[in-house]
PDBML (XML) file of the C-alpha atoms, coordinates in Angstrom:
<?xml version="1.0" encoding="UTF-8" ?>
<PDBx:datablock datablockName="MODEL"
   xmlns:PDBx="http://pdbml.pdb.org/schema/pdbx-v50.xsd"
   xmlns:xsi="http://www.w3.org/2001/XMLSchema-instance"
   xsi:schemaLocation="http://pdbml.pdb.org/schema/pdbx-v50.xsd pdbx-v50.xsd">
   <PDBx:atom_siteCategory>
      <PDBx:atom_site id="1">
         <PDBx:B_iso_or_equiv>0.00</PDBx:B_iso_or_equiv>
         <PDBx:Cartn_x>93.477</PDBx:Cartn_x>
         <PDBx:Cartn_y>94.723</PDBx:Cartn_y>
         <PDBx:Cartn_z>95.973</PDBx:Cartn_z>
         <PDBx:auth_asym_id>A</PDBx:auth_asym_id>
         <PDBx:auth_atom_id>CA</PDBx:auth_atom_id>
         <PDBx:auth_comp_id>ASN</PDBx:auth_comp_id>
         <PDBx:auth_seq_id>1</PDBx:auth_seq_id>
         <PDBx:group_PDB>ATOM</PDBx:group_PDB>
         <PDBx:label_alt_id xsi:nil="true" />
         <PDBx:label_asym_id>A</PDBx:label_asym_id>
         <PDBx:label_atom_id>CA</PDBx:label_atom_id>
         <PDBx:label_comp_id>ASN</PDBx:label_comp_id>
         <PDBx:label_entity_id>1</PDBx:label_entity_id>
         <PDBx:label_seq_id>1</PDBx:label_seq_id>
         <PDBx:occupancy>1.00</PDBx:occupancy>
         <PDBx:pdbx_PDB_model_num>1</PDBx:pdbx_PDB_model_num>
         <PDBx:type_symbol>C</PDBx:type_symbol>
      </PDBx:atom_site>
      <PDBx:atom_site id="2">
         <PDBx:B_iso_or_equiv>0.00</PDBx:B_iso_or_equiv>
         <PDBx:Cartn_x>93.897</PDBx:Cartn_x>
         <PDBx:Cartn_y>94.807</PDBx:Cartn_y>
         <PDBx:Cartn_z>92.399</PDBx:Cartn_z>
         <PDBx:auth_asym_id>A</PDBx:auth_asym_id>
         <PDBx:auth_atom_id>CA</PDBx:auth_atom_id>
         <PDBx:auth_comp_id>THR</PDBx:auth_comp_id>
         <PDBx:auth_seq_id>2</PDBx:auth_seq_id>
         <PDBx:group_PDB>ATOM</PDBx:group_PDB>
         <PDBx:label_alt_id xsi:nil="true" />
         <PDBx:label_asym_id>A</PDBx:label_asym_id>
         <PDBx:label_atom_id>CA</PDBx:label_atom_id>
         <PDBx:label_comp_id>THR</PDBx:label_comp_id>
         <PDBx:label_entity_id>1</PDBx:label_entity_id>
         <PDBx:label_seq_id>2</PDBx:label_seq_id>
         <PDBx:occupancy>1.00</PDBx:occupancy>
         <PDBx:pdbx_PDB_model_num>1</PDBx:pdbx_PDB_model_num>
         <PDBx:type_symbol>C</PDBx:type_symbol>
      </PDBx:atom_site>
      <PDBx:atom_site id="3">
         <PDBx:B_iso_or_equiv>0.00</PDBx:B_iso_or_equiv>
         <PDBx:Cartn_x>93.590</PDBx:Cartn_x>
         <PDBx:Cartn_y>90.811</PDBx:Cartn_y>
         <PDBx:Cartn_z>91.999</PDBx:Cartn_z>
         <PDBx:auth_asym_id>A</PDBx:auth_asym_id>
         <PDBx:auth_atom_id>CA</PDBx:auth_atom_id>
         <PDBx:auth_comp_id>ALA</PDBx:auth_comp_id>
         <PDBx:auth_seq_id>3</PDBx:auth_seq_id>
         <PDBx:group_PDB>ATOM</PDBx:group_PDB>
         <PDBx:label_alt_id xsi:nil="true" />
         <PDBx:label_asym_id>A</PDBx:label_asym_id>
         <PDBx:label_atom_id>CA</PDBx:label_atom_id>
         <PDBx:label_comp_id>ALA</PDBx:label_comp_id>
         <PDBx:label_entity_id>1</PDBx:label_entity_id>
         <PDBx:label_seq_id>3</PDBx:label_seq_id>
         <PDBx:occupancy>1.00</PDBx:occupancy>
         <PDBx:pdbx_PDB_model_num>1</PDBx:pdbx_PDB_model_num>
         <PDBx:type_symbol>C</PDBx:type_symbol>
      </PDBx:atom_site>
      <PDBx:atom_site id="4">
         <PDBx:B_iso_or_equiv>0.00</PDBx:B_iso_or_equiv>
         <PDBx:Cartn_x>91.184</PDBx:Cartn_x>
         <PDBx:Cartn_y>89.568</PDBx:Cartn_y>
         <PDBx:Cartn_z>94.745</PDBx:Cartn_z>
         <PDBx:auth_asym_id>A</PDBx:auth_asym_id>
         <PDBx:auth_atom_id>CA</PDBx:auth_atom_id>
         <PDBx:auth_comp_id>SER</PDBx:auth_comp_id>
         <PDBx:auth_seq_id>4</PDBx:auth_seq_id>
         <PDBx:group_PDB>ATOM</PDBx:group_PDB>
         <PDBx:label_alt_id xsi:nil="true" />
         <PDBx:label_asym_id>A</PDBx:label_asym_id>
         <PDBx:label_atom_id>CA</PDBx:label_atom_id>
         <PDBx:label_comp_id>SER</PDBx:label_comp_id>
         <PDBx:label_entity_id>1</PDBx:label_entity_id>
         <PDBx:label_seq_id>4</PDBx:label_seq_id>
         <PDBx:occupancy>1.00</PDBx:occupancy>
         <PDBx:pdbx_PDB_model_num>1</PDBx:pdbx_PDB_model_num>
         <PDBx:type_symbol>C</PDBx:type_symbol>
      </PDBx:atom_site>
      <PDBx:atom_site id="5">
         <PDBx:B_iso_or_equiv>0.00</PDBx:B_iso_or_equiv>
         <PDBx:Cartn_x>88.661</PDBx:Cartn_x>
         <PDBx:Cartn_y>90.081</PDBx:Cartn_y>
         <PDBx:Cartn_z>97.324</PDBx:Cartn_z>
         <PDBx:auth_asym_id>A</PDBx:auth_asym_id>
         <PDBx:auth_atom_id>CA</PDBx:auth_atom_id>
         <PDBx:auth_comp_id>VAL</PDBx:auth_comp_id>
         <PDBx:auth_seq_id>5</PDBx:auth_seq_id>
         <PDBx:group_PDB>ATOM</PDBx:group_PDB>
         <PDBx:label_alt_id xsi:nil="true" />
         <PDBx:label_asym_id>A</PDBx:label_asym_id>
         <PDBx:label_atom_id>CA</PDBx:label_atom_id>
         <PDBx:label_comp_id>VAL</PDBx:label_comp_id>
         <PDBx:label_entity_id>1</PDBx:label_entity_id>
         <PDBx:label_seq_id>5</PDBx:label_seq_id>
         <PDBx:occupancy>1.00</PDBx:occupancy>
         <PDBx:pdbx_PDB_model_num>1</PDBx:pdbx_PDB_model_num>
         <PDBx:type_symbol>C</PDBx:type_symbol>
      </PDBx:atom_site>
      <PDBx:atom_site id="6">
         <PDBx:B_iso_or_equiv>0.00</PDBx:B_iso_or_equiv>
         <PDBx:Cartn_x>89.453</PDBx:Cartn_x>
         <PDBx:Cartn_y>88.910</PDBx:Cartn_y>
         <PDBx:Cartn_z>100.534</PDBx:Cartn_z>
         <PDBx:auth_asym_id>A</PDBx:auth_asym_id>
         <PDBx:auth_atom_id>CA</PDBx:auth_atom_id>
         <PDBx:auth_comp_id>ALA</PDBx:auth_comp_id>
         <PDBx:auth_seq_id>6</PDBx:auth_seq_id>
         <PDBx:group_PDB>ATOM</PDBx:group_PDB>
         <PDBx:label_alt_id xsi:nil="true" />
         <PDBx:label_asym_id>A</PDBx:label_asym_id>
         <PDBx:label_atom_id>CA</PDBx:label_atom_id>
         <PDBx:label_comp_id>ALA</PDBx:label_comp_id>
         <PDBx:label_entity_id>1</PDBx:label_entity_id>
         <PDBx:label_seq_id>6</PDBx:label_seq_id>
         <PDBx:occupancy>1.00</PDBx:occupancy>
         <PDBx:pdbx_PDB_model_num>1</PDBx:pdbx_PDB_model_num>
         <PDBx:type_symbol>C</PDBx:type_symbol>
      </PDBx:atom_site>
      <PDBx:atom_site id="7">
         <PDBx:B_iso_or_equiv>0.00</PDBx:B_iso_or_equiv>
         <PDBx:Cartn_x>86.378</PDBx:Cartn_x>
         <PDBx:Cartn_y>89.868</PDBx:Cartn_y>
         <PDBx:Cartn_z>102.654</PDBx:Cartn_z>
         <PDBx:auth_asym_id>A</PDBx:auth_asym_id>
         <PDBx:auth_atom_id>CA</PDBx:auth_atom_id>
         <PDBx:auth_comp_id>GLN</PDBx:auth_comp_id>
         <PDBx:auth_seq_id>7</PDBx:auth_seq_id>
         <PDBx:group_PDB>ATOM</PDBx:group_PDB>
         <PDBx:label_alt_id xsi:nil="true" />
         <PDBx:label_asym_id>A</PDBx:label_asym_id>
         <PDBx:label_atom_id>CA</PDBx:label_atom_id>
         <PDBx:label_comp_id>GLN</PDBx:label_comp_id>
         <PDBx:label_entity_id>1</PDBx:label_entity_id>
         <PDBx:label_seq_id>7</PDBx:label_seq_id>
         <PDBx:occupancy>1.00</PDBx:occupancy>
         <PDBx:pdbx_PDB_model_num>1</PDBx:pdbx_PDB_model_num>
         <PDBx:type_symbol>C</PDBx:type_symbol>
      </PDBx:atom_site>
      <PDBx:atom_site id="8">
         <PDBx:B_iso_or_equiv>0.00</PDBx:B_iso_or_equiv>
         <PDBx:Cartn_x>83.008</PDBx:Cartn_x>
         <PDBx:Cartn_y>91.129</PDBx:Cartn_y>
         <PDBx:Cartn_z>101.178</PDBx:Cartn_z>
         <PDBx:auth_asym_id>A</PDBx:auth_asym_id>
         <PDBx:auth_atom_id>CA</PDBx:auth_atom_id>
         <PDBx:auth_comp_id>LEU</PDBx:auth_comp_id>
         <PDBx:auth_seq_id>8</PDBx:auth_seq_id>
         <PDBx:group_PDB>ATOM</PDBx:group_PDB>
         <PDBx:label_alt_id xsi:nil="true" />
         <PDBx:label_asym_id>A</PDBx:label_asym_id>
         <PDBx:label_atom_id>CA</PDBx:label_atom_id>
         <PDBx:label_comp_id>LEU</PDBx:label_comp_id>
         <PDBx:label_entity_id>1</PDBx:label_entity_id>
         <PDBx:label_seq_id>8</PDBx:label_seq_id>
         <PDBx:occupancy>1.00</PDBx:occupancy>
         <PDBx:pdbx_PDB_model_num>1</PDBx:pdbx_PDB_model_num>
         <PDBx:type_symbol>C</PDBx:type_symbol>
      </PDBx:atom_site>
      <PDBx:atom_site id="9">
         <PDBx:B_iso_or_equiv>0.00</PDBx:B_iso_or_equiv>
         <PDBx:Cartn_x>80.500</PDBx:Cartn_x>
         <PDBx:Cartn_y>91.265</PDBx:Cartn_y>
         <PDBx:Cartn_z>104.144</PDBx:Cartn_z>
         <PDBx:auth_asym_id>A</PDBx:auth_asym_id>
         <PDBx:auth_atom_id>CA</PDBx:auth_atom_id>
         <PDBx:auth_comp_id>HIS</PDBx:auth_comp_id>
         <PDBx:auth_seq_id>9</PDBx:auth_seq_id>
         <PDBx:group_PDB>ATOM</PDBx:group_PDB>
         <PDBx:label_alt_id xsi:nil="true" />
         <PDBx:label_asym_id>A</PDBx:label_asym_id>
         <PDBx:label_atom_id>CA</PDBx:label_atom_id>
         <PDBx:label_comp_id>HIS</PDBx:label_comp_id>
         <PDBx:label_entity_id>1</PDBx:label_entity_id>
         <PDBx:label_seq_id>9</PDBx:label_seq_id>
         <PDBx:occupancy>1.00</PDBx:occupancy>
         <PDBx:pdbx_PDB_model_num>1</PDBx:pdbx_PDB_model_num>
         <PDBx:type_symbol>C</PDBx:type_symbol>
      </PDBx:atom_site>
      <PDBx:atom_site id="10">
         <PDBx:B_iso_or_equiv>0.00</PDBx:B_iso_or_equiv>
         <PDBx:Cartn_x>77.057</PDBx:Cartn_x>
         <PDBx:Cartn_y>93.350</PDBx:Cartn_y>
         <PDBx:Cartn_z>104.673</PDBx:Cartn_z>
         <PDBx:auth_asym_id>A</PDBx:auth_asym_id>
         <PDBx:auth_atom_id>CA</PDBx:auth_atom_id>
         <PDBx:auth_comp_id>VAL</PDBx:auth_comp_id>
         <PDBx:auth_seq_id>10</PDBx:auth_seq_id>
         <PDBx:group_PDB>ATOM</PDBx:group_PDB>
         <PDBx:label_alt_id xsi:nil="true" />
         <PDBx:label_asym_id>A</PDBx:label_asym_id>
         <PDBx:label_atom_id>CA</PDBx:label_atom_id>
         <PDBx:label_comp_id>VAL</PDBx:label_comp_id>
         <PDBx:label_entity_id>1</PDBx:label_entity_id>
         <PDBx:label_seq_id>10</PDBx:label_seq_id>
         <PDBx:occupancy>1.00</PDBx:occupancy>
         <PDBx:pdbx_PDB_model_num>1</PDBx:pdbx_PDB_model_num>
         <PDBx:type_symbol>C</PDBx:type_symbol>
      </PDBx:atom_site>
      <PDBx:atom_site id="11">
         <PDBx:B_iso_or_equiv>0.00</PDBx:B_iso_or_equiv>
         <PDBx:Cartn_x>75.511</PDBx:Cartn_x>
         <PDBx:Cartn_y>93.777</PDBx:Cartn_y>
         <PDBx:Cartn_z>107.871</PDBx:Cartn_z>
         <PDBx:auth_asym_id>A</PDBx:auth_asym_id>
         <PDBx:auth_atom_id>CA</PDBx:auth_atom_id>
         <PDBx:auth_comp_id>ARG</PDBx:auth_comp_id>
         <PDBx:auth_seq_id>11</PDBx:auth_seq_id>
         <PDBx:group_PDB>ATOM</PDBx:group_PDB>
         <PDBx:label_alt_id xsi:nil="true" />
         <PDBx:label_asym_id>A</PDBx:label_asym_id>
         <PDBx:label_atom_id>CA</PDBx:label_atom_id>
         <PDBx:label_comp_id>ARG</PDBx:label_comp_id>
         <PDBx:label_entity_id>1</PDBx:label_entity_id>
         <PDBx:label_seq_id>11</PDBx:label_seq_id>
         <PDBx:occupancy>1.00</PDBx:occupancy>
         <PDBx:pdbx_PDB_model_num>1</PDBx:pdbx_PDB_model_num>
         <PDBx:type_symbol>C</PDBx:type_symbol>
      </PDBx:atom_site>
      <PDBx:atom_site id="12">
         <PDBx:B_iso_or_equiv>0.00</PDBx:B_iso_or_equiv>
         <PDBx:Cartn_x>72.696</PDBx:Cartn_x>
         <PDBx:Cartn_y>91.076</PDBx:Cartn_y>
         <PDBx:Cartn_z>108.257</PDBx:Cartn_z>
         <PDBx:auth_asym_id>A</PDBx:auth_asym_id>
         <PDBx:auth_atom_id>CA</PDBx:auth_atom_id>
         <PDBx:auth_comp_id>VAL</PDBx:auth_comp_id>
         <PDBx:auth_seq_id>12</PDBx:auth_seq_id>
         <PDBx:group_PDB>ATOM</PDBx:group_PDB>
         <PDBx:label_alt_id xsi:nil="true" />
         <PDBx:label_asym_id>A</PDBx:label_asym_id>
         <PDBx:label_atom_id>CA</PDBx:label_atom_id>
         <PDBx:label_comp_id>VAL</PDBx:label_comp_id>
         <PDBx:label_entity_id>1</PDBx:label_entity_id>
         <PDBx:label_seq_id>12</PDBx:label_seq_id>
         <PDBx:occupancy>1.00</PDBx:occupancy>
         <PDBx:pdbx_PDB_model_num>1</PDBx:pdbx_PDB_model_num>
         <PDBx:type_symbol>C</PDBx:type_symbol>
      </PDBx:atom_site>
      <PDBx:atom_site id="13">
         <PDBx:B_iso_or_equiv>0.00</PDBx:B_iso_or_equiv>
         <PDBx:Cartn_x>69.860</PDBx:Cartn_x>
         <PDBx:Cartn_y>93.397</PDBx:Cartn_y>
         <PDBx:Cartn_z>108.713</PDBx:Cartn_z>
         <PDBx:auth_asym_id>A</PDBx:auth_asym_id>
         <PDBx:auth_atom_id>CA</PDBx:auth_atom_id>
         <PDBx:auth_comp_id>CYS</PDBx:auth_comp_id>
         <PDBx:auth_seq_id>13</PDBx:auth_seq_id>
         <PDBx:group_PDB>ATOM</PDBx:group_PDB>
         <PDBx:label_alt_id xsi:nil="true" />
         <PDBx:label_asym_id>A</PDBx:label_asym_id>
         <PDBx:label_atom_id>CA</PDBx:label_atom_id>
         <PDBx:label_comp_id>CYS</PDBx:label_comp_id>
         <PDBx:label_entity_id>1</PDBx:label_entity_id>
         <PDBx:label_seq_id>13</PDBx:label_seq_id>
         <PDBx:occupancy>1.00</PDBx:occupancy>
         <PDBx:pdbx_PDB_model_num>1</PDBx:pdbx_PDB_model_num>
         <PDBx:type_symbol>C</PDBx:type_symbol>
      </PDBx:atom_site>
      <PDBx:atom_site id="14">
         <PDBx:B_iso_or_equiv>0.00</PDBx:B_iso_or_equiv>
         <PDBx:Cartn_x>71.090</PDBx:Cartn_x>
         <PDBx:Cartn_y>95.363</PDBx:Cartn_y>
         <PDBx:Cartn_z>105.547</PDBx:Cartn_z>
         <PDBx:auth_asym_id>A</PDBx:auth_asym_id>
         <PDBx:auth_atom_id>CA</PDBx:auth_atom_id>
         <PDBx:auth_comp_id>ASP</PDBx:auth_comp_id>
         <PDBx:auth_seq_id>14</PDBx:auth_seq_id>
         <PDBx:group_PDB>ATOM</PDBx:group_PDB>
         <PDBx:label_alt_id xsi:nil="true" />
         <PDBx:label_asym_id>A</PDBx:label_asym_id>
         <PDBx:label_atom_id>CA</PDBx:label_atom_id>
         <PDBx:label_comp_id>ASP</PDBx:label_comp_id>
         <PDBx:label_entity_id>1</PDBx:label_entity_id>
         <PDBx:label_seq_id>14</PDBx:label_seq_id>
         <PDBx:occupancy>1.00</PDBx:occupancy>
         <PDBx:pdbx_PDB_model_num>1</PDBx:pdbx_PDB_model_num>
         <PDBx:type_symbol>C</PDBx:type_symbol>
      </PDBx:atom_site>
      <PDBx:atom_site id="15">
         <PDBx:B_iso_or_equiv>0.00</PDBx:B_iso_or_equiv>
         <PDBx:Cartn_x>70.964</PDBx:Cartn_x>
         <PDBx:Cartn_y>92.388</PDBx:Cartn_y>
         <PDBx:Cartn_z>103.105</PDBx:Cartn_z>
         <PDBx:auth_asym_id>A</PDBx:auth_asym_id>
         <PDBx:auth_atom_id>CA</PDBx:auth_atom_id>
         <PDBx:auth_comp_id>HIS</PDBx:auth_comp_id>
         <PDBx:auth_seq_id>15</PDBx:auth_seq_id>
         <PDBx:group_PDB>ATOM</PDBx:group_PDB>
         <PDBx:label_alt_id xsi:nil="true" />
         <PDBx:label_asym_id>A</PDBx:label_asym_id>
         <PDBx:label_atom_id>CA</PDBx:label_atom_id>
         <PDBx:label_comp_id>HIS</PDBx:label_comp_id>
         <PDBx:label_entity_id>1</PDBx:label_entity_id>
         <PDBx:label_seq_id>15</PDBx:label_seq_id>
         <PDBx:occupancy>1.00</PDBx:occupancy>
         <PDBx:pdbx_PDB_model_num>1</PDBx:pdbx_PDB_model_num>
         <PDBx:type_symbol>C</PDBx:type_symbol>
      </PDBx:atom_site>
      <PDBx:atom_site id="16">
         <PDBx:B_iso_or_equiv>0.00</PDBx:B_iso_or_equiv>
         <PDBx:Cartn_x>69.368</PDBx:Cartn_x>
         <PDBx:Cartn_y>93.189</PDBx:Cartn_y>
         <PDBx:Cartn_z>99.982</PDBx:Cartn_z>
         <PDBx:auth_asym_id>A</PDBx:auth_asym_id>
         <PDBx:auth_atom_id>CA</PDBx:auth_atom_id>
         <PDBx:auth_comp_id>GLY</PDBx:auth_comp_id>
         <PDBx:auth_seq_id>16</PDBx:auth_seq_id>
         <PDBx:group_PDB>ATOM</PDBx:group_PDB>
         <PDBx:label_alt_id xsi:nil="true" />
         <PDBx:label_asym_id>A</PDBx:label_asym_id>
         <PDBx:label_atom_id>CA</PDBx:label_atom_id>
         <PDBx:label_comp_id>GLY</PDBx:label_comp_id>
         <PDBx:label_entity_id>1</PDBx:label_entity_id>
         <PDBx:label_seq_id>16</PDBx:label_seq_id>
         <PDBx:occupancy>1.00</PDBx:occupancy>
         <PDBx:pdbx_PDB_model_num>1</PDBx:pdbx_PDB_model_num>
         <PDBx:type_symbol>C</PDBx:type_symbol>
      </PDBx:atom_site>
      <PDBx:atom_site id="17">
         <PDBx:B_iso_or_equiv>0.00</PDBx:B_iso_or_equiv>
         <PDBx:Cartn_x>69.697</PDBx:Cartn_x>
         <PDBx:Cartn_y>96.873</PDBx:Cartn_y>
         <PDBx:Cartn_z>99.725</PDBx:Cartn_z>
         <PDBx:auth_asym_id>A</PDBx:auth_asym_id>
         <PDBx:auth_atom_id>CA</PDBx:auth_atom_id>
         <PDBx:auth_comp_id>GLN</PDBx:auth_comp_id>
         <PDBx:auth_seq_id>17</PDBx:auth_seq_id>
         <PDBx:group_PDB>ATOM</PDBx:group_PDB>
         <PDBx:label_alt_id xsi:nil="true" />
         <PDBx:label_asym_id>A</PDBx:label_asym_id>
         <PDBx:label_atom_id>CA</PDBx:label_atom_id>
         <PDBx:label_comp_id>GLN</PDBx:label_comp_id>
         <PDBx:label_entity_id>1</PDBx:label_entity_id>
         <PDBx:label_seq_id>17</PDBx:label_seq_id>
         <PDBx:occupancy>1.00</PDBx:occupancy>
         <PDBx:pdbx_PDB_model_num>1</PDBx:pdbx_PDB_model_num>
         <PDBx:type_symbol>C</PDBx:type_symbol>
      </PDBx:atom_site>
      <PDBx:atom_site id="18">
         <PDBx:B_iso_or_equiv>0.00</PDBx:B_iso_or_equiv>
         <PDBx:Cartn_x>72.468</PDBx:Cartn_x>
         <PDBx:Cartn_y>97.156</PDBx:Cartn_y>
         <PDBx:Cartn_z>97.036</PDBx:Cartn_z>
         <PDBx:auth_asym_id>A</PDBx:auth_asym_id>
         <PDBx:auth_atom_id>CA</PDBx:auth_atom_id>
         <PDBx:auth_comp_id>GLY</PDBx:auth_comp_id>
         <PDBx:auth_seq_id>18</PDBx:auth_seq_id>
         <PDBx:group_PDB>ATOM</PDBx:group_PDB>
         <PDBx:label_alt_id xsi:nil="true" />
         <PDBx:label_asym_id>A</PDBx:label_asym_id>
         <PDBx:label_atom_id>CA</PDBx:label_atom_id>
         <PDBx:label_comp_id>GLY</PDBx:label_comp_id>
         <PDBx:label_entity_id>1</PDBx:label_entity_id>
         <PDBx:label_seq_id>18</PDBx:label_seq_id>
         <PDBx:occupancy>1.00</PDBx:occupancy>
         <PDBx:pdbx_PDB_model_num>1</PDBx:pdbx_PDB_model_num>
         <PDBx:type_symbol>C</PDBx:type_symbol>
      </PDBx:atom_site>
      <PDBx:atom_site id="19">
         <PDBx:B_iso_or_equiv>0.00</PDBx:B_iso_or_equiv>
         <PDBx:Cartn_x>75.375</PDBx:Cartn_x>
         <PDBx:Cartn_y>97.603</PDBx:Cartn_y>
         <PDBx:Cartn_z>99.480</PDBx:Cartn_z>
         <PDBx:auth_asym_id>A</PDBx:auth_asym_id>
         <PDBx:auth_atom_id>CA</PDBx:auth_atom_id>
         <PDBx:auth_comp_id>ILE</PDBx:auth_comp_id>
         <PDBx:auth_seq_id>19</PDBx:auth_seq_id>
         <PDBx:group_PDB>ATOM</PDBx:group_PDB>
         <PDBx:label_alt_id xsi:nil="true" />
         <PDBx:label_asym_id>A</PDBx:label_asym_id>
         <PDBx:label_atom_id>CA</PDBx:label_atom_id>
         <PDBx:label_comp_id>ILE</PDBx:label_comp_id>
         <PDBx:label_entity_id>1</PDBx:label_entity_id>
         <PDBx:label_seq_id>19</PDBx:label_seq_id>
         <PDBx:occupancy>1.00</PDBx:occupancy>
         <PDBx:pdbx_PDB_model_num>1</PDBx:pdbx_PDB_model_num>
         <PDBx:type_symbol>C</PDBx:type_symbol>
      </PDBx:atom_site>
      <PDBx:atom_site id="20">
         <PDBx:B_iso_or_equiv>0.00</PDBx:B_iso_or_equiv>
         <PDBx:Cartn_x>77.149</PDBx:Cartn_x>
         <PDBx:Cartn_y>94.517</PDBx:Cartn_y>
         <PDBx:Cartn_z>98.848</PDBx:Cartn_z>
         <PDBx:auth_asym_id>A</PDBx:auth_asym_id>
         <PDBx:auth_atom_id>CA</PDBx:auth_atom_id>
         <PDBx:auth_comp_id>GLY</PDBx:auth_comp_id>
         <PDBx:auth_seq_id>20</PDBx:auth_seq_id>
         <PDBx:group_PDB>ATOM</PDBx:group_PDB>
         <PDBx:label_alt_id xsi:nil="true" />
         <PDBx:label_asym_id>A</PDBx:label_asym_id>
         <PDBx:label_atom_id>CA</PDBx:label_atom_id>
         <PDBx:label_comp_id>GLY</PDBx:label_comp_id>
         <PDBx:label_entity_id>1</PDBx:label_entity_id>
         <PDBx:label_seq_id>20</PDBx:label_seq_id>
         <PDBx:occupancy>1.00</PDBx:occupancy>
         <PDBx:pdbx_PDB_model_num>1</PDBx:pdbx_PDB_model_num>
         <PDBx:type_symbol>C</PDBx:type_symbol>
      </PDBx:atom_site>
      <PDBx:atom_site id="21">
         <PDBx:B_iso_or_equiv>0.00</PDBx:B_iso_or_equiv>
         <PDBx:Cartn_x>76.680</PDBx:Cartn_x>
         <PDBx:Cartn_y>95.500</PDBx:Cartn_y>
         <PDBx:Cartn_z>95.030</PDBx:Cartn_z>
         <PDBx:auth_asym_id>A</PDBx:auth_asym_id>
         <PDBx:auth_atom_id>CA</PDBx:auth_atom_id>
         <PDBx:auth_comp_id>THR</PDBx:auth_comp_id>
         <PDBx:auth_seq_id>21</PDBx:auth_seq_id>
         <PDBx:group_PDB>ATOM</PDBx:group_PDB>
         <PDBx:label_alt_id xsi:nil="true" />
         <PDBx:label_asym_id>A</PDBx:label_asym_id>
         <PDBx:label_atom_id>CA</PDBx:label_atom_id>
         <PDBx:label_comp_id>THR</PDBx:label_comp_id>
         <PDBx:label_entity_id>1</PDBx:label_entity_id>
         <PDBx:label_seq_id>21</PDBx:label_seq_id>
         <PDBx:occupancy>1.00</PDBx:occupancy>
         <PDBx:pdbx_PDB_model_num>1</PDBx:pdbx_PDB_model_num>
         <PDBx:type_symbol>C</PDBx:type_symbol>
      </PDBx:atom_site>
      <PDBx:atom_site id="22">
         <PDBx:B_iso_or_equiv>0.00</PDBx:B_iso_or_equiv>
         <PDBx:Cartn_x>78.143</PDBx:Cartn_x>
         <PDBx:Cartn_y>98.949</PDBx:Cartn_y>
         <PDBx:Cartn_z>95.578</PDBx:Cartn_z>
         <PDBx:auth_asym_id>A</PDBx:auth_asym_id>
         <PDBx:auth_atom_id>CA</PDBx:auth_atom_id>
         <PDBx:auth_comp_id>ARG</PDBx:auth_comp_id>
         <PDBx:auth_seq_id>22</PDBx:auth_seq_id>
         <PDBx:group_PDB>ATOM</PDBx:group_PDB>
         <PDBx:label_alt_id xsi:nil="true" />
         <PDBx:label_asym_id>A</PDBx:label_asym_id>
         <PDBx:label_atom_id>CA</PDBx:label_atom_id>
         <PDBx:label_comp_id>ARG</PDBx:label_comp_id>
         <PDBx:label_entity_id>1</PDBx:label_entity_id>
         <PDBx:label_seq_id>22</PDBx:label_seq_id>
         <PDBx:occupancy>1.00</PDBx:occupancy>
         <PDBx:pdbx_PDB_model_num>1</PDBx:pdbx_PDB_model_num>
         <PDBx:type_symbol>C</PDBx:type_symbol>
      </PDBx:atom_site>
      <PDBx:atom_site id="23">
         <PDBx:B_iso_or_equiv>0.00</PDBx:B_iso_or_equiv>
         <PDBx:Cartn_x>81.231</PDBx:Cartn_x>
         <PDBx:Cartn_y>97.466</PDBx:Cartn_y>
         <PDBx:Cartn_z>97.191</PDBx:Cartn_z>
         <PDBx:auth_asym_id>A</PDBx:auth_asym_id>
         <PDBx:auth_atom_id>CA</PDBx:auth_atom_id>
         <PDBx:auth_comp_id>LEU</PDBx:auth_comp_id>
         <PDBx:auth_seq_id>23</PDBx:auth_seq_id>
         <PDBx:group_PDB>ATOM</PDBx:group_PDB>
         <PDBx:label_alt_id xsi:nil="true" />
         <PDBx:label_asym_id>A</PDBx:label_asym_id>
         <PDBx:label_atom_id>CA</PDBx:label_atom_id>
         <PDBx:label_comp_id>LEU</PDBx:label_comp_id>
         <PDBx:label_entity_id>1</PDBx:label_entity_id>
         <PDBx:label_seq_id>23</PDBx:label_seq_id>
         <PDBx:occupancy>1.00</PDBx:occupancy>
         <PDBx:pdbx_PDB_model_num>1</PDBx:pdbx_PDB_model_num>
         <PDBx:type_symbol>C</PDBx:type_symbol>
      </PDBx:atom_site>
      <PDBx:atom_site id="24">
         <PDBx:B_iso_or_equiv>0.00</PDBx:B_iso_or_equiv>
         <PDBx:Cartn_x>81.764</PDBx:Cartn_x>
         <PDBx:Cartn_y>94.729</PDBx:Cartn_y>
         <PDBx:Cartn_z>94.794</PDBx:Cartn_z>
         <PDBx:auth_asym_id>A</PDBx:auth_asym_id>
         <PDBx:auth_atom_id>CA</PDBx:auth_atom_id>
         <PDBx:auth_comp_id>LEU</PDBx:auth_comp_id>
         <PDBx:auth_seq_id>24</PDBx:auth_seq_id>
         <PDBx:group_PDB>ATOM</PDBx:group_PDB>
         <PDBx:label_alt_id xsi:nil="true" />
         <PDBx:label_asym_id>A</PDBx:label_asym_id>
         <PDBx:label_atom_id>CA</PDBx:label_atom_id>
         <PDBx:label_comp_id>LEU</PDBx:label_comp_id>
         <PDBx:label_entity_id>1</PDBx:label_entity_id>
         <PDBx:label_seq_id>24</PDBx:label_seq_id>
         <PDBx:occupancy>1.00</PDBx:occupancy>
         <PDBx:pdbx_PDB_model_num>1</PDBx:pdbx_PDB_model_num>
         <PDBx:type_symbol>C</PDBx:type_symbol>
      </PDBx:atom_site>
   </PDBx:atom_siteCategory>
</PDBx:datablock>
């Protein structure tokens, strides 16, 4: 929401591909 991140997860086999960065 506008104040916090409650959950941010990326499928394990997709770590290191920029997906978490895009979401964050």
